[in-house]
Amino acid sequence: MPEYKTTQKFRLSDGFAISHIGEEIIIVPISSSTADMGRLTTLNGTGACILNSLTQGRDIGGAVDDIMEKYAVADRRTVENDVRSFIAKMVSCGTLVASDDTSCHEPNIL
């Protein structure tokens, strides 16, 4: 798993859009302006919280803070490990990319 600084920011990769359904998020690959419904990724509430934090311009530390606040978790080390693991999986499947840009990249919303 790549080692990112706590201040590293991420954004949704080009070619993906998100759809909110309740507390869940569905990530949809977009190719040639059409959704590839065969490759959907569904995130539960925790994954959705992490992705929302990151796509709103928060860094890893900010996403950890958001999870700790939302779920009243006191063990920062465990939450940070879980957030990093989530990010590594999303990066490895091409859904997230590290961002050097300090501005917020609004994801495509379906």
C-alpha atoms as a PDB file:
ATOM      1  CA  MET A   1       0.000   0.000   0.000  1.00  0.00           C
ATOM      2  CA  PRO A   2       1.479   3.400  -0.952  1.00  0.00           C
ATOM      3  CA  GLU A   3       2.394   5.596   1.988  1.00  0.00           C
ATOM      4  CA  TYR A   4       0.665   8.957   1.662  1.00  0.00           C
ATOM      5  CA  LYS A   5       1.219  11.927   3.945  1.00  0.00           C
ATOM      6  CA  THR A   6      -1.720  12.797   6.189  1.00  0.00           C
ATOM      7  CA  THR A   7      -2.009  16.049   4.249  1.00  0.00           C
ATOM      8  CA  GLN A   8      -2.423  14.262   0.901  1.00  0.00           C
ATOM      9  CA  LYS A   9      -5.625  15.117  -0.970  1.00  0.00           C
ATOM     10  CA  PHE A  10      -7.489  12.960  -3.463  1.00  0.00           C
ATOM     11  CA  ARG A  11     -10.184  13.425  -6.075  1.00  0.00           C
ATOM     12  CA  LEU A  12     -12.509  11.194  -8.043  1.00  0.00           C
ATOM     13  CA  SER A  13     -10.775  10.067 -11.217  1.00  0.00           C
ATOM     14  CA  ASP A  14     -11.867  11.451 -14.549  1.00  0.00           C
ATOM     15  CA  GLY A  15     -14.347   9.100 -16.132  1.00  0.00           C
ATOM     16  CA  PHE A  16     -16.341   8.440 -12.944  1.00  0.00           C
ATOM     17  CA  ALA A  17     -19.523   9.965 -11.562  1.00  0.00           C
ATOM     18  CA  ILE A  18     -21.312   9.495  -8.263  1.00  0.00           C
ATOM     19  CA  SER A  19     -24.935   9.062  -7.347  1.00  0.00           C
ATOM     20  CA  HIS A  20     -26.248   9.501  -3.794  1.00  0.00           C
ATOM     21  CA  ILE A  21     -28.890   7.069  -2.553  1.00  0.00           C
ATOM     22  CA  GLY A  22     -29.639   7.655   1.117  1.00  0.00           C
ATOM     23  CA  GLU A  23     -26.333   7.414   2.965  1.00  0.00           C
ATOM     24  CA  GLU A  24     -24.825   5.251   0.247  1.00  0.00           C
ATOM     25  CA  ILE A  25     -22.911   6.383  -2.807  1.00  0.00           C
ATOM     26  CA  ILE A  26     -22.801   4.567  -6.109  1.00  0.00           C
ATOM     27  CA  ILE A  27     -19.717   5.205  -8.237  1.00  0.00           C
ATOM     28  CA  VAL A  28     -20.440   4.864 -11.942  1.00  0.00           C
ATOM     29  CA  PRO A  29     -17.777   4.657 -14.650  1.00  0.00           C
ATOM     30  CA  ILE A  30     -18.599   6.960 -17.555  1.00  0.00           C
ATOM     31  CA  SER A  31     -17.296   6.273 -21.044  1.00  0.00           C
ATOM     32  CA  SER A  32     -18.244   8.218 -24.141  1.00  0.00           C
ATOM     33  CA  SER A  33     -20.881  10.133 -22.122  1.00  0.00           C
ATOM     34  CA  THR A  34     -22.723   6.953 -21.112  1.00  0.00           C
ATOM     35  CA  ALA A  35     -22.726   5.133 -17.806  1.00  0.00           C
ATOM     36  CA  ASP A  36     -21.130   1.681 -17.706  1.00  0.00           C
ATOM     37  CA  MET A  37     -23.728   0.085 -15.419  1.00  0.00           C
ATOM     38  CA  GLY A  38     -21.850  -3.228 -15.372  1.00  0.00           C
ATOM     39  CA  ARG A  39     -19.002  -1.760 -13.314  1.00  0.00           C
ATOM     40  CA  LEU A  40     -20.813   0.038 -10.491  1.00  0.00           C
ATOM     41  CA  THR A  41     -19.227   0.393  -7.062  1.00  0.00           C
ATOM     42  CA  THR A  42     -21.528   0.854  -4.079  1.00  0.00           C
ATOM     43  CA  LEU A  43     -20.163   2.428  -0.894  1.00  0.00           C
ATOM     44  CA  ASN A  44     -21.770   2.028   2.518  1.00  0.00           C
ATOM     45  CA  GLY A  45     -22.207   4.979   4.873  1.00  0.00           C
ATOM     46  CA  THR A  46     -18.604   4.861   6.101  1.00  0.00           C
ATOM     47  CA  GLY A  47     -17.132   4.687   2.593  1.00  0.00           C
ATOM     48  CA  ALA A  48     -19.506   7.438   1.488  1.00  0.00           C
ATOM     49  CA  CYS A  49     -18.366   9.645   4.382  1.00  0.00           C
ATOM     50  CA  ILE A  50     -14.711   9.153   3.421  1.00  0.00           C
ATOM     51  CA  LEU A  51     -15.373   9.813  -0.271  1.00  0.00           C
ATOM     52  CA  ASN A  52     -17.474  12.897   0.508  1.00  0.00           C
ATOM     53  CA  SER A  53     -14.679  14.269   2.696  1.00  0.00           C
ATOM     54  CA  LEU A  54     -12.089  13.718  -0.004  1.00  0.00           C
ATOM     55  CA  THR A  55     -14.180  15.128  -2.856  1.00  0.00           C
ATOM     56  CA  GLN A  56     -14.897  18.218  -0.749  1.00  0.00           C
ATOM     57  CA  GLY A  57     -11.177  18.956  -0.664  1.00  0.00           C
ATOM     58  CA  ARG A  58     -10.321  17.414   2.717  1.00  0.00           C
ATOM     59  CA  ASP A  59      -7.053  15.547   3.108  1.00  0.00           C
ATOM     60  CA  ILE A  60      -6.531  12.152   4.774  1.00  0.00           C
ATOM     61  CA  GLY A  61      -6.407  13.755   8.223  1.00  0.00           C
ATOM     62  CA  GLY A  62      -9.655  15.613   7.533  1.00  0.00           C
ATOM     63  CA  ALA A  63     -11.378  12.413   6.398  1.00  0.00           C
ATOM     64  CA  VAL A  64     -10.214  10.725   9.611  1.00  0.00           C
ATOM     65  CA  ASP A  65     -11.599  13.627  11.649  1.00  0.00           C
ATOM     66  CA  ASP A  66     -14.937  13.386   9.824  1.00  0.00           C
ATOM     67  CA  ILE A  67     -15.251   9.637  10.502  1.00  0.00           C
ATOM     68  CA  MET A  68     -14.300  10.067  14.157  1.00  0.00           C
ATOM     69  CA  GLU A  69     -16.895  12.810  14.584  1.00  0.00           C
ATOM     70  CA  LYS A  70     -19.703  11.106  12.674  1.00  0.00           C
ATOM     71  CA  TYR A  71     -19.307   7.712  14.347  1.00  0.00           C
ATOM     72  CA  ALA A  72     -18.003   8.903  17.764  1.00  0.00           C
ATOM     73  CA  VAL A  73     -14.828   6.808  17.476  1.00  0.00           C
ATOM     74  CA  ALA A  74     -11.968   7.595  19.851  1.00  0.00           C
ATOM     75  CA  ASP A  75      -9.209   5.379  18.390  1.00  0.00           C
ATOM     76  CA  ARG A  76      -7.584   7.647  15.790  1.00  0.00           C
ATOM     77  CA  ARG A  77      -4.932   5.090  14.782  1.00  0.00           C
ATOM     78  CA  THR A  78      -7.549   2.490  13.809  1.00  0.00           C
ATOM     79  CA  VAL A  79      -9.658   5.031  11.903  1.00  0.00           C
ATOM     80  CA  GLU A  80      -6.603   6.346  10.058  1.00  0.00           C
ATOM     81  CA  ASN A  81      -5.562   2.804   9.099  1.00  0.00           C
ATOM     82  CA  ASP A  82      -9.090   2.111   7.824  1.00  0.00           C
ATOM     83  CA  VAL A  83      -9.222   5.369   5.839  1.00  0.00           C
ATOM     84  CA  ARG A  84      -5.813   4.651   4.316  1.00  0.00           C
ATOM     85  CA  SER A  85      -6.900   1.119   3.407  1.00  0.00           C
ATOM     86  CA  PHE A  86     -10.067   2.465   1.743  1.00  0.00           C
ATOM     87  CA  ILE A  87      -8.039   5.029  -0.214  1.00  0.00           C
ATOM     88  CA  ALA A  88      -5.507   2.395  -1.325  1.00  0.00           C
ATOM     89  CA  LYS A  89      -8.312   0.166  -2.658  1.00  0.00           C
ATOM     90  CA  MET A  90      -9.966   3.057  -4.482  1.00  0.00           C
ATOM     91  CA  VAL A  91      -6.634   4.169  -5.990  1.00  0.00           C
ATOM     92  CA  SER A  92      -5.753   0.613  -7.057  1.00  0.00           C
ATOM     93  CA  CYS A  93      -9.034   0.237  -8.966  1.00  0.00           C
ATOM     94  CA  GLY A  94      -8.599   3.657 -10.567  1.00  0.00           C
ATOM     95  CA  THR A  95     -11.517   5.383  -8.865  1.00  0.00           C
ATOM     96  CA  LEU A  96      -9.446   7.893  -6.852  1.00  0.00           C
ATOM     97  CA  VAL A  97      -6.274   9.750  -7.765  1.00  0.00           C
ATOM     98  CA  ALA A  98      -3.927  11.767  -5.601  1.00  0.00           C
ATOM     99  CA  SER A  99      -4.371  15.477  -6.148  1.00  0.00           C
ATOM    100  CA  ASP A 100      -1.696  18.150  -5.893  1.00  0.00           C
ATOM    101  CA  ASP A 101      -4.316  20.812  -6.515  1.00  0.00           C
ATOM    102  CA  THR A 102      -5.437  22.756  -3.458  1.00  0.00           C
ATOM    103  CA  SER A 103      -8.830  23.552  -4.944  1.00  0.00           C
ATOM    104  CA  CYS A 104     -11.866  21.359  -4.566  1.00  0.00           C
ATOM    105  CA  HIS A 105     -12.759  19.152  -7.546  1.00  0.00           C
ATOM    106  CA  GLU A 106     -16.497  18.655  -7.623  1.00  0.00           C
ATOM    107  CA  PRO A 107     -17.229  15.128  -8.849  1.00  0.00           C
ATOM    108  CA  ASN A 108     -19.679  14.437 -11.640  1.00  0.00           C
ATOM    109  CA  ILE A 109     -23.062  13.813 -10.016  1.00  0.00           C
ATOM    110  CA  LEU A 110     -25.703  11.619 -11.652  1.00  0.00           C
END
